[in-house]
Structures are given as C-alpha cells and as structure tokens.
C-alpha cells in the first residue's frame, strides 16, 4: 500500500454517522473519472442523486476532495451547502460558477483554485492515481452556518458537528508522466 492509499478521507476525523445511498450517472464508485470531471476537458460536476438519508435531515452539503494532492492537506475541488432537504439530486454541471442547477438558497464556497465552482481532476503528471471523494452530507439544520466567503475547511468544521448521515462515491484519475 502506498502512502497515498493510506491518506485519510476528509470525514474520517468526524464522529461516525449512519450511511445512505448516493449514485451518479457520470461516475462509478471506485472507477476512473470520465473526461467530464477532468480539468481542461469537461470540468463539469457529476450528476448526483441520493436516498435513504436519516429522518431529521433538514439540508444537505456536497463536497469533492482529493486527499492525494501533493499539498500535505489535500485539495478541495467543490463545496456547496444549504441544499434544501427536499432536493435529492444535482444535475451534471450544477457546480458551474453560474450556479445553474443548484437550488435557491444553496451556498457555494471557493475551491482550492480560488473559484466558486467545481474544478475537475488535475493531478500532476506521473504522480499516480488520485482519489476524488464526492460526499453528500445530511445536515440537522436548514442553514449550516458559514457564508459564501468561508473556506472548505471551515465548512468541514461545521459539518463535523451538524452531520447526521453521510454518503460517498470515490472516482480515480491519473495523468501519465
């Protein structure tokens, strides 16, 4: 097992919560990301839909994180929250900067590129496979707390205390050296 395979996922430091189901028309758990989710090719957030979340869910958050980025702290590709509990799907491209496809009231914070949008996979050539962890969080309040100027790390801090369920899909991508 390489060091990258042992790097923790963002929620492994959070208290355990019940799981639920998330699926996508655009990615398969454990499979290779399609060109649509790659920086410079499609750069499009995948379609995601979820079900089986806990009773008491009042909103959702969705993130995409690369724990294998050569930064020492991973790389946040996407972070959106305050998605109403009545919304159980985001269409492909919902993470674009124009926020088309996101429900009213959803808050999109800057990714680690500094943009308020989904940014696709962009591992350094020859760095080996990177995991892209798409996580849907069931939240116990309608508003998570941060505003659009928060960092993804601060969003994660708030999610640690307000998450009552979690679902994830992991896609991989690698650029040959």
N, C-alpha and C. Protein backbone atom coordinates (compact mmCIF):
# COMPACT_ATOMS: atom_id res chain seq x y z
N UNK A 1 0.85 -1.18 0.00
CA UNK A 1 0.00 0.00 0.00
C UNK A 1 0.89 1.25 0.00
N UNK A 2 0.60 2.18 -0.88
CA UNK A 2 1.40 3.40 -0.94
C UNK A 2 0.93 4.41 0.09
N UNK A 3 1.74 5.44 0.30
CA UNK A 3 1.35 6.49 1.23
C UNK A 3 0.02 7.12 0.84
N UNK A 4 -0.20 7.31 -0.46
CA UNK A 4 -1.44 7.95 -0.90
C UNK A 4 -2.66 7.12 -0.54
N UNK A 5 -2.55 5.81 -0.67
CA UNK A 5 -3.70 4.96 -0.35
C UNK A 5 -4.04 5.02 1.14
N UNK A 6 -3.08 5.38 1.97
CA UNK A 6 -3.32 5.45 3.40
C UNK A 6 -3.77 6.84 3.85
N UNK A 7 -3.67 7.83 2.99
CA UNK A 7 -4.08 9.17 3.40
C UNK A 7 -5.57 9.16 3.74
N UNK A 8 -5.93 9.80 4.83
CA UNK A 8 -7.33 9.73 5.28
C UNK A 8 -8.28 10.52 4.39
N UNK A 9 -9.52 10.08 4.40
CA UNK A 9 -10.58 10.80 3.74
C UNK A 9 -11.03 11.94 4.65
N UNK A 10 -11.65 12.98 4.12
CA UNK A 10 -11.93 14.17 4.94
C UNK A 10 -12.82 13.91 6.14
N UNK A 11 -13.70 12.94 6.07
CA UNK A 11 -14.63 12.72 7.18
C UNK A 11 -14.17 11.63 8.14
N UNK A 12 -13.00 11.07 7.94
CA UNK A 12 -12.51 10.05 8.86
C UNK A 12 -12.19 10.61 10.24
N UNK A 13 -12.09 11.93 10.34
CA UNK A 13 -11.84 12.56 11.63
C UNK A 13 -13.14 12.98 12.32
N UNK A 14 -14.26 12.75 11.66
CA UNK A 14 -15.56 13.13 12.19
C UNK A 14 -16.18 11.96 12.94
N UNK A 15 -17.12 12.23 13.84
CA UNK A 15 -17.81 11.13 14.53
C UNK A 15 -18.54 10.24 13.53
N UNK A 16 -18.67 8.95 13.83
CA UNK A 16 -19.41 8.07 12.92
C UNK A 16 -20.88 8.46 12.86
N UNK A 17 -21.45 8.36 11.66
CA UNK A 17 -22.87 8.64 11.44
C UNK A 17 -23.41 7.57 10.49
N UNK A 18 -24.72 7.39 10.44
CA UNK A 18 -25.29 6.41 9.51
C UNK A 18 -24.98 6.78 8.06
N UNK A 19 -24.85 5.75 7.25
CA UNK A 19 -24.65 5.95 5.83
C UNK A 19 -25.98 5.97 5.10
N UNK A 20 -25.95 6.48 3.88
CA UNK A 20 -27.09 6.38 2.99
C UNK A 20 -26.57 6.21 1.58
N UNK A 21 -27.41 6.24 0.59
CA UNK A 21 -27.03 5.89 -0.78
C UNK A 21 -26.87 7.14 -1.65
N UNK A 22 -25.76 7.21 -2.39
CA UNK A 22 -25.58 8.21 -3.43
C UNK A 22 -25.14 7.48 -4.70
N UNK A 23 -25.72 7.87 -5.83
CA UNK A 23 -25.39 7.29 -7.13
C UNK A 23 -25.19 8.42 -8.13
N UNK A 24 -24.59 8.07 -9.25
CA UNK A 24 -24.33 9.07 -10.29
C UNK A 24 -24.45 8.44 -11.67
N UNK A 25 -24.98 9.22 -12.60
CA UNK A 25 -24.98 8.80 -14.00
C UNK A 25 -23.60 8.99 -14.62
N UNK A 26 -22.73 9.75 -13.94
CA UNK A 26 -21.45 10.16 -14.52
C UNK A 26 -20.22 9.49 -13.93
N UNK A 27 -20.36 8.81 -12.80
CA UNK A 27 -19.21 8.12 -12.23
C UNK A 27 -19.65 6.89 -11.47
N UNK A 28 -18.74 5.94 -11.41
CA UNK A 28 -18.97 4.68 -10.71
C UNK A 28 -18.02 4.65 -9.53
N UNK A 29 -18.53 4.26 -8.36
CA UNK A 29 -17.69 4.19 -7.18
C UNK A 29 -16.49 3.28 -7.44
N UNK A 30 -15.30 3.81 -7.23
CA UNK A 30 -14.07 3.07 -7.44
C UNK A 30 -13.58 3.09 -8.87
N UNK A 31 -14.34 3.67 -9.78
CA UNK A 31 -13.95 3.70 -11.19
C UNK A 31 -13.18 4.95 -11.55
N UNK A 32 -12.73 4.99 -12.78
CA UNK A 32 -11.98 6.13 -13.30
C UNK A 32 -12.95 7.26 -13.65
N UNK A 33 -12.57 8.50 -13.28
CA UNK A 33 -13.39 9.66 -13.65
C UNK A 33 -13.44 9.78 -15.16
N UNK A 34 -14.58 10.20 -15.66
CA UNK A 34 -14.71 10.46 -17.08
C UNK A 34 -14.11 11.81 -17.44
N UNK A 35 -13.95 12.06 -18.71
CA UNK A 35 -13.34 13.32 -19.16
C UNK A 35 -14.16 14.52 -18.70
N UNK A 36 -15.44 14.34 -18.46
CA UNK A 36 -16.28 15.44 -17.99
C UNK A 36 -15.86 15.99 -16.65
N UNK A 37 -15.23 15.17 -15.83
CA UNK A 37 -14.82 15.59 -14.49
C UNK A 37 -13.32 15.92 -14.43
N UNK A 38 -12.71 16.18 -15.57
CA UNK A 38 -11.28 16.47 -15.63
C UNK A 38 -11.07 17.94 -16.00
N UNK A 39 -10.16 18.58 -15.30
CA UNK A 39 -9.83 19.99 -15.56
C UNK A 39 -9.28 20.12 -16.98
N UNK A 40 -9.77 21.12 -17.69
CA UNK A 40 -9.29 21.36 -19.05
C UNK A 40 -9.99 20.53 -20.09
N UNK A 41 -10.79 19.56 -19.68
CA UNK A 41 -11.55 18.75 -20.65
C UNK A 41 -13.03 19.09 -20.51
N UNK A 42 -13.67 18.56 -19.47
CA UNK A 42 -15.08 18.86 -19.26
C UNK A 42 -15.28 19.81 -18.11
N UNK A 43 -14.51 19.58 -17.04
CA UNK A 43 -14.59 20.43 -15.83
C UNK A 43 -16.04 20.61 -15.36
N UNK A 44 -16.78 19.50 -15.39
CA UNK A 44 -18.21 19.52 -15.08
C UNK A 44 -18.48 18.68 -13.84
N UNK A 45 -19.17 19.24 -12.87
CA UNK A 45 -19.55 18.45 -11.70
C UNK A 45 -20.47 17.32 -12.16
N UNK A 46 -20.33 16.13 -11.57
CA UNK A 46 -21.16 15.00 -11.99
C UNK A 46 -22.59 15.11 -11.49
N UNK A 47 -23.49 14.43 -12.17
CA UNK A 47 -24.85 14.26 -11.68
C UNK A 47 -24.76 13.40 -10.42
N UNK A 48 -25.49 13.77 -9.39
CA UNK A 48 -25.54 13.00 -8.15
C UNK A 48 -26.98 12.92 -7.68
N UNK A 49 -27.40 11.76 -7.20
CA UNK A 49 -28.72 11.64 -6.56
C UNK A 49 -28.56 10.75 -5.34
N UNK A 50 -29.38 11.03 -4.33
CA UNK A 50 -29.23 10.32 -3.06
C UNK A 50 -30.58 9.97 -2.46
N UNK A 51 -30.55 8.92 -1.62
CA UNK A 51 -31.77 8.43 -0.97
C UNK A 51 -31.38 7.70 0.31
N UNK A 52 -32.39 7.45 1.15
CA UNK A 52 -32.17 6.68 2.37
C UNK A 52 -31.48 7.45 3.48
N UNK A 53 -31.49 8.76 3.41
CA UNK A 53 -30.87 9.60 4.43
C UNK A 53 -31.72 9.59 5.69
N UNK A 54 -31.12 9.94 6.83
CA UNK A 54 -31.84 9.84 8.11
C UNK A 54 -33.02 10.80 8.22
N UNK A 55 -34.02 10.36 8.99
CA UNK A 55 -35.11 11.25 9.36
C UNK A 55 -34.49 12.39 10.16
N UNK A 56 -35.02 13.56 10.05
CA UNK A 56 -34.44 14.71 10.74
C UNK A 56 -33.48 15.50 9.87
N UNK A 57 -33.23 15.03 8.64
CA UNK A 57 -32.37 15.78 7.71
C UNK A 57 -33.09 17.05 7.32
N UNK A 58 -32.42 18.19 7.50
CA UNK A 58 -33.03 19.48 7.15
C UNK A 58 -32.33 20.17 5.99
N UNK A 59 -31.14 19.70 5.62
CA UNK A 59 -30.44 20.21 4.44
C UNK A 59 -29.33 19.23 4.09
N UNK A 60 -28.69 19.50 2.95
CA UNK A 60 -27.56 18.68 2.50
C UNK A 60 -26.38 19.58 2.16
N UNK A 61 -25.20 18.97 2.19
CA UNK A 61 -23.97 19.59 1.68
C UNK A 61 -23.33 18.57 0.75
N UNK A 62 -22.62 19.07 -0.26
CA UNK A 62 -21.91 18.20 -1.20
C UNK A 62 -20.49 18.74 -1.35
N UNK A 63 -19.53 17.83 -1.26
CA UNK A 63 -18.13 18.22 -1.43
C UNK A 63 -17.42 17.24 -2.36
N UNK A 64 -16.31 17.70 -2.92
CA UNK A 64 -15.38 16.84 -3.64
C UNK A 64 -13.98 17.18 -3.13
N UNK A 65 -13.26 16.16 -2.68
CA UNK A 65 -11.95 16.34 -2.06
C UNK A 65 -10.97 15.32 -2.63
N UNK A 66 -9.75 15.77 -2.89
CA UNK A 66 -8.65 14.90 -3.33
C UNK A 66 -7.67 14.77 -2.18
N UNK A 67 -7.70 13.66 -1.42
CA UNK A 67 -6.77 13.50 -0.31
C UNK A 67 -5.34 13.23 -0.77
N UNK A 68 -5.17 12.90 -2.06
CA UNK A 68 -3.87 12.52 -2.58
C UNK A 68 -3.08 13.66 -3.22
N UNK A 69 -3.65 14.85 -3.22
CA UNK A 69 -2.95 16.01 -3.79
C UNK A 69 -1.64 16.23 -3.04
N UNK A 70 -0.57 16.59 -3.75
CA UNK A 70 0.74 16.76 -3.11
C UNK A 70 0.86 18.10 -2.38
N UNK A 71 -0.04 18.31 -1.42
CA UNK A 71 -0.04 19.58 -0.69
C UNK A 71 0.20 19.40 0.81
N UNK A 72 0.05 18.21 1.30
CA UNK A 72 0.10 17.97 2.74
C UNK A 72 -1.25 18.15 3.40
N UNK A 73 -2.20 18.75 2.68
CA UNK A 73 -3.54 18.97 3.24
C UNK A 73 -4.64 18.59 2.26
N UNK A 74 -4.31 17.91 1.17
CA UNK A 74 -5.31 17.55 0.18
C UNK A 74 -5.73 18.77 -0.64
N UNK A 75 -6.81 18.61 -1.42
CA UNK A 75 -7.27 19.68 -2.30
C UNK A 75 -8.77 19.61 -2.42
N UNK A 76 -9.46 20.72 -2.09
CA UNK A 76 -10.91 20.81 -2.19
C UNK A 76 -11.29 21.26 -3.60
N UNK A 77 -12.03 20.40 -4.31
CA UNK A 77 -12.47 20.68 -5.67
C UNK A 77 -13.87 21.29 -5.71
N UNK A 78 -14.65 21.10 -4.62
CA UNK A 78 -16.04 21.55 -4.65
C UNK A 78 -16.60 21.53 -3.24
N UNK A 79 -17.37 22.55 -2.89
CA UNK A 79 -18.03 22.58 -1.59
C UNK A 79 -19.28 23.47 -1.70
N UNK A 80 -20.42 22.84 -1.53
CA UNK A 80 -21.70 23.54 -1.59
C UNK A 80 -22.58 23.02 -0.44
N UNK A 81 -23.34 23.91 0.18
CA UNK A 81 -24.15 23.51 1.33
C UNK A 81 -25.44 24.32 1.35
N UNK A 82 -26.26 24.08 2.36
CA UNK A 82 -27.60 24.67 2.48
C UNK A 82 -28.50 24.26 1.31
N UNK A 83 -28.30 23.05 0.84
CA UNK A 83 -29.19 22.47 -0.17
C UNK A 83 -30.43 21.99 0.58
N UNK A 84 -31.62 22.47 0.22
CA UNK A 84 -32.83 22.10 0.97
C UNK A 84 -33.05 20.58 1.02
N UNK A 85 -33.64 20.11 2.10
CA UNK A 85 -33.88 18.68 2.30
C UNK A 85 -34.80 18.09 1.24
N UNK A 86 -35.58 18.91 0.57
CA UNK A 86 -36.47 18.43 -0.48
C UNK A 86 -35.72 18.11 -1.78
N UNK A 87 -34.48 18.53 -1.89
CA UNK A 87 -33.67 18.31 -3.08
C UNK A 87 -32.83 17.04 -2.87
N UNK A 88 -33.01 16.06 -3.74
CA UNK A 88 -32.27 14.80 -3.61
C UNK A 88 -31.47 14.48 -4.86
N UNK A 89 -31.22 15.50 -5.69
CA UNK A 89 -30.42 15.30 -6.89
C UNK A 89 -29.84 16.63 -7.35
N UNK A 90 -28.61 16.58 -7.82
CA UNK A 90 -27.99 17.71 -8.52
C UNK A 90 -27.68 17.24 -9.93
N UNK A 91 -28.07 18.01 -10.94
CA UNK A 91 -27.78 17.62 -12.31
C UNK A 91 -26.30 17.81 -12.63
N UNK A 92 -25.82 17.13 -13.66
CA UNK A 92 -24.45 17.36 -14.13
C UNK A 92 -24.29 18.84 -14.42
N UNK A 93 -23.18 19.41 -14.00
CA UNK A 93 -22.90 20.82 -14.24
C UNK A 93 -23.46 21.75 -13.19
N UNK A 94 -24.11 21.23 -12.15
CA UNK A 94 -24.67 22.11 -11.11
C UNK A 94 -23.59 22.91 -10.41
N UNK A 95 -22.36 22.44 -10.45
CA UNK A 95 -21.27 23.13 -9.78
C UNK A 95 -20.58 24.19 -10.60
N UNK A 96 -21.16 24.58 -11.73
CA UNK A 96 -20.55 25.63 -12.52
C UNK A 96 -20.63 26.96 -11.78
N UNK A 97 -19.78 27.88 -12.14
CA UNK A 97 -19.75 29.18 -11.48
C UNK A 97 -21.05 29.94 -11.54
N UNK A 98 -21.87 29.70 -12.56
CA UNK A 98 -23.14 30.38 -12.68
C UNK A 98 -24.21 29.85 -11.74
N UNK A 99 -23.95 28.75 -11.10
CA UNK A 99 -24.83 28.11 -10.13
C UNK A 99 -26.15 27.63 -10.73
N UNK A 100 -26.23 27.55 -12.05
CA UNK A 100 -27.41 26.96 -12.68
C UNK A 100 -27.47 25.50 -12.27
N UNK A 101 -28.62 25.04 -11.88
CA UNK A 101 -28.75 23.66 -11.44
C UNK A 101 -28.67 23.49 -9.94
N UNK A 102 -28.22 24.53 -9.23
CA UNK A 102 -28.25 24.48 -7.77
C UNK A 102 -29.56 25.09 -7.30
N UNK A 103 -30.14 24.53 -6.26
CA UNK A 103 -31.41 25.08 -5.77
C UNK A 103 -31.21 26.45 -5.12
N UNK A 104 -32.28 27.22 -5.10
CA UNK A 104 -32.26 28.52 -4.46
C UNK A 104 -31.85 28.36 -3.00
N UNK A 105 -30.96 29.24 -2.53
CA UNK A 105 -30.51 29.20 -1.15
C UNK A 105 -29.23 28.42 -0.94
N UNK A 106 -28.83 27.59 -1.91
CA UNK A 106 -27.58 26.84 -1.77
C UNK A 106 -26.40 27.81 -1.76
N UNK A 107 -25.39 27.50 -0.97
CA UNK A 107 -24.20 28.34 -0.84
C UNK A 107 -23.00 27.59 -1.40
N UNK A 108 -22.30 28.25 -2.33
CA UNK A 108 -21.14 27.68 -3.00
C UNK A 108 -19.91 28.43 -2.52
N UNK A 109 -18.96 27.76 -1.89
CA UNK A 109 -17.74 28.44 -1.44
C UNK A 109 -16.61 28.18 -2.44
N UNK A 110 -15.55 28.94 -2.30
CA UNK A 110 -14.41 28.80 -3.21
C UNK A 110 -13.71 27.46 -3.01
N UNK A 111 -13.30 26.88 -4.13
CA UNK A 111 -12.48 25.67 -4.07
C UNK A 111 -11.02 26.08 -3.83
N UNK A 112 -10.13 25.12 -3.81
CA UNK A 112 -8.72 25.46 -3.56
C UNK A 112 -8.05 26.12 -4.75
N UNK A 113 -8.71 26.21 -5.89
CA UNK A 113 -8.23 27.03 -7.01
C UNK A 113 -8.60 28.50 -6.78
N UNK A 114 -9.54 28.74 -5.85
CA UNK A 114 -9.99 30.09 -5.56
C UNK A 114 -11.26 30.49 -6.27
N UNK A 115 -11.93 29.53 -6.93
CA UNK A 115 -13.14 29.81 -7.68
C UNK A 115 -14.36 29.20 -6.99
N UNK A 116 -15.51 29.86 -7.14
CA UNK A 116 -16.78 29.32 -6.60
C UNK A 116 -17.42 28.43 -7.66
N UNK A 117 -16.84 27.26 -7.83
CA UNK A 117 -17.36 26.29 -8.78
C UNK A 117 -16.63 24.97 -8.59
N UNK A 118 -17.14 23.94 -9.24
CA UNK A 118 -16.45 22.66 -9.27
C UNK A 118 -15.25 22.80 -10.19
N UNK A 119 -14.12 22.28 -9.76
CA UNK A 119 -12.95 22.22 -10.63
C UNK A 119 -12.58 20.75 -10.75
N UNK A 120 -12.36 20.32 -11.99
CA UNK A 120 -12.11 18.90 -12.26
C UNK A 120 -10.75 18.42 -11.81
N UNK A 121 -10.57 17.12 -11.95
CA UNK A 121 -9.33 16.45 -11.57
C UNK A 121 -8.15 17.03 -12.34
N UNK A 122 -7.06 17.29 -11.62
CA UNK A 122 -5.86 17.85 -12.24
C UNK A 122 -4.61 17.39 -11.50
N UNK A 123 -4.41 16.07 -11.38
CA UNK A 123 -3.22 15.62 -10.67
C UNK A 123 -1.96 15.90 -11.48
N UNK A 124 -0.84 16.09 -10.82
CA UNK A 124 0.41 16.28 -11.57
C UNK A 124 0.73 15.03 -12.39
N UNK A 125 1.21 15.21 -13.61
CA UNK A 125 1.59 14.04 -14.42
C UNK A 125 2.60 13.17 -13.68
N UNK A 126 2.37 11.87 -13.71
CA UNK A 126 3.29 10.93 -13.09
C UNK A 126 3.14 10.79 -11.58
N UNK A 127 2.18 11.45 -10.98
CA UNK A 127 2.00 11.41 -9.53
C UNK A 127 1.20 10.20 -9.07
N UNK A 128 0.78 9.37 -9.99
CA UNK A 128 -0.01 8.19 -9.63
C UNK A 128 -1.48 8.54 -9.54
N UNK A 129 -2.30 7.54 -9.25
CA UNK A 129 -3.75 7.78 -9.18
C UNK A 129 -4.13 8.62 -7.97
N UNK A 130 -5.03 9.53 -8.18
CA UNK A 130 -5.61 10.34 -7.11
C UNK A 130 -7.06 9.93 -6.93
N UNK A 131 -7.53 9.97 -5.68
CA UNK A 131 -8.93 9.68 -5.38
C UNK A 131 -9.69 11.01 -5.27
N UNK A 132 -10.86 11.03 -5.86
CA UNK A 132 -11.74 12.20 -5.81
C UNK A 132 -13.00 11.75 -5.07
N UNK A 133 -13.13 12.24 -3.84
CA UNK A 133 -14.16 11.78 -2.91
C UNK A 133 -15.35 12.75 -2.99
N UNK A 134 -16.44 12.29 -3.58
CA UNK A 134 -17.67 13.05 -3.66
C UNK A 134 -18.53 12.61 -2.47
N UNK A 135 -18.81 13.53 -1.57
CA UNK A 135 -19.55 13.20 -0.35
C UNK A 135 -20.81 14.06 -0.27
N UNK A 136 -21.92 13.40 0.07
CA UNK A 136 -23.17 14.09 0.36
C UNK A 136 -23.39 13.94 1.86
N UNK A 137 -23.58 15.06 2.53
CA UNK A 137 -23.80 15.09 3.97
C UNK A 137 -25.27 15.44 4.26
N UNK A 138 -25.91 14.66 5.11
CA UNK A 138 -27.23 15.00 5.64
C UNK A 138 -27.00 15.85 6.88
N UNK A 139 -27.61 17.03 6.92
CA UNK A 139 -27.35 18.03 7.96
C UNK A 139 -28.60 18.22 8.82
N UNK A 140 -28.39 18.43 10.11
CA UNK A 140 -29.52 18.54 11.06
C UNK A 140 -30.11 19.94 11.17
N UNK A 141 -29.69 20.87 10.31
CA UNK A 141 -30.25 22.23 10.33
C UNK A 141 -30.41 22.72 8.89
N UNK A 142 -31.33 23.66 8.69
CA UNK A 142 -31.54 24.20 7.35
C UNK A 142 -30.35 25.01 6.87
N UNK A 143 -29.68 25.68 7.80
CA UNK A 143 -28.51 26.51 7.47
C UNK A 143 -27.31 25.97 8.23
N UNK A 144 -26.24 25.69 7.51
CA UNK A 144 -25.04 25.15 8.13
C UNK A 144 -24.35 26.17 9.03
N UNK A 145 -24.38 27.44 8.62
CA UNK A 145 -23.76 28.48 9.44
C UNK A 145 -22.83 29.39 8.67
N UNK A 146 -21.85 28.83 7.93
CA UNK A 146 -20.94 29.72 7.20
C UNK A 146 -21.64 30.45 6.06
N UNK A 147 -20.96 31.46 5.54
CA UNK A 147 -21.47 32.14 4.35
C UNK A 147 -20.58 31.79 3.16
N UNK A 148 -20.82 32.42 2.03
CA UNK A 148 -20.09 32.12 0.80
C UNK A 148 -18.62 32.48 0.83
N UNK A 149 -18.18 33.23 1.84
CA UNK A 149 -16.76 33.57 1.95
C UNK A 149 -15.97 32.58 2.79
N UNK A 150 -16.63 31.56 3.33
CA UNK A 150 -15.95 30.55 4.14
C UNK A 150 -15.01 29.71 3.28
N UNK A 151 -14.04 29.09 3.91
CA UNK A 151 -13.18 28.13 3.22
C UNK A 151 -13.82 26.75 3.30
N UNK A 152 -13.46 25.84 2.40
CA UNK A 152 -13.96 24.47 2.53
C UNK A 152 -13.59 23.83 3.87
N UNK A 153 -12.43 24.18 4.41
CA UNK A 153 -12.05 23.63 5.72
C UNK A 153 -13.01 24.10 6.81
N UNK A 154 -13.45 25.35 6.76
CA UNK A 154 -14.40 25.84 7.76
C UNK A 154 -15.77 25.20 7.56
N UNK A 155 -16.14 24.95 6.31
CA UNK A 155 -17.37 24.21 6.04
C UNK A 155 -17.26 22.82 6.67
N UNK A 156 -16.11 22.15 6.48
CA UNK A 156 -15.89 20.84 7.07
C UNK A 156 -15.96 20.86 8.59
N UNK A 157 -15.44 21.91 9.19
CA UNK A 157 -15.51 22.07 10.65
C UNK A 157 -16.97 22.08 11.09
N UNK A 158 -17.80 22.86 10.41
CA UNK A 158 -19.22 22.92 10.75
C UNK A 158 -19.93 21.60 10.48
N UNK A 159 -19.56 20.93 9.40
CA UNK A 159 -20.16 19.64 9.09
C UNK A 159 -19.85 18.60 10.17
N UNK A 160 -18.70 18.70 10.79
CA UNK A 160 -18.34 17.75 11.84
C UNK A 160 -19.39 17.72 12.95
N UNK A 161 -19.98 18.86 13.25
CA UNK A 161 -20.91 18.96 14.37
C UNK A 161 -22.38 18.86 13.96
N UNK A 162 -22.67 18.97 12.65
CA UNK A 162 -24.07 19.01 12.23
C UNK A 162 -24.48 17.89 11.28
N UNK A 163 -23.56 16.99 10.98
CA UNK A 163 -23.85 15.88 10.07
C UNK A 163 -24.54 14.75 10.82
N UNK A 164 -25.66 14.27 10.25
CA UNK A 164 -26.37 13.14 10.85
C UNK A 164 -26.36 11.92 9.92
N UNK A 165 -25.81 12.05 8.74
CA UNK A 165 -25.68 10.94 7.80
C UNK A 165 -24.73 11.34 6.68
N UNK A 166 -24.15 10.33 6.01
CA UNK A 166 -23.14 10.64 5.00
C UNK A 166 -23.13 9.54 3.94
N UNK A 167 -22.94 9.95 2.70
CA UNK A 167 -22.81 9.01 1.58
C UNK A 167 -21.67 9.49 0.70
N UNK A 168 -20.98 8.56 0.05
CA UNK A 168 -19.86 8.99 -0.79
C UNK A 168 -19.68 8.09 -2.00
N UNK A 169 -19.11 8.69 -3.02
CA UNK A 169 -18.62 7.98 -4.21
C UNK A 169 -17.18 8.42 -4.40
N UNK A 170 -16.31 7.48 -4.76
CA UNK A 170 -14.91 7.82 -4.99
C UNK A 170 -14.54 7.44 -6.41
N UNK A 171 -14.10 8.43 -7.18
CA UNK A 171 -13.58 8.19 -8.51
C UNK A 171 -12.07 8.40 -8.49
N UNK A 172 -11.38 7.78 -9.42
CA UNK A 172 -9.93 7.93 -9.51
C UNK A 172 -9.54 8.52 -10.85
N UNK A 173 -8.39 9.20 -10.83
CA UNK A 173 -7.87 9.74 -12.08
C UNK A 173 -6.37 9.88 -11.95
N UNK A 174 -5.68 9.65 -13.07
CA UNK A 174 -4.22 9.74 -13.11
C UNK A 174 -3.78 10.25 -14.47
N UNK A 175 -2.76 11.09 -14.47
CA UNK A 175 -2.12 11.52 -15.70
C UNK A 175 -0.75 10.85 -15.78
N UNK A 176 -0.52 10.18 -16.87
CA UNK A 176 0.78 9.50 -17.05
C UNK A 176 1.90 10.53 -17.13
N UNK A 177 3.05 10.17 -16.61
CA UNK A 177 4.19 11.09 -16.56
C UNK A 177 4.99 11.15 -17.80
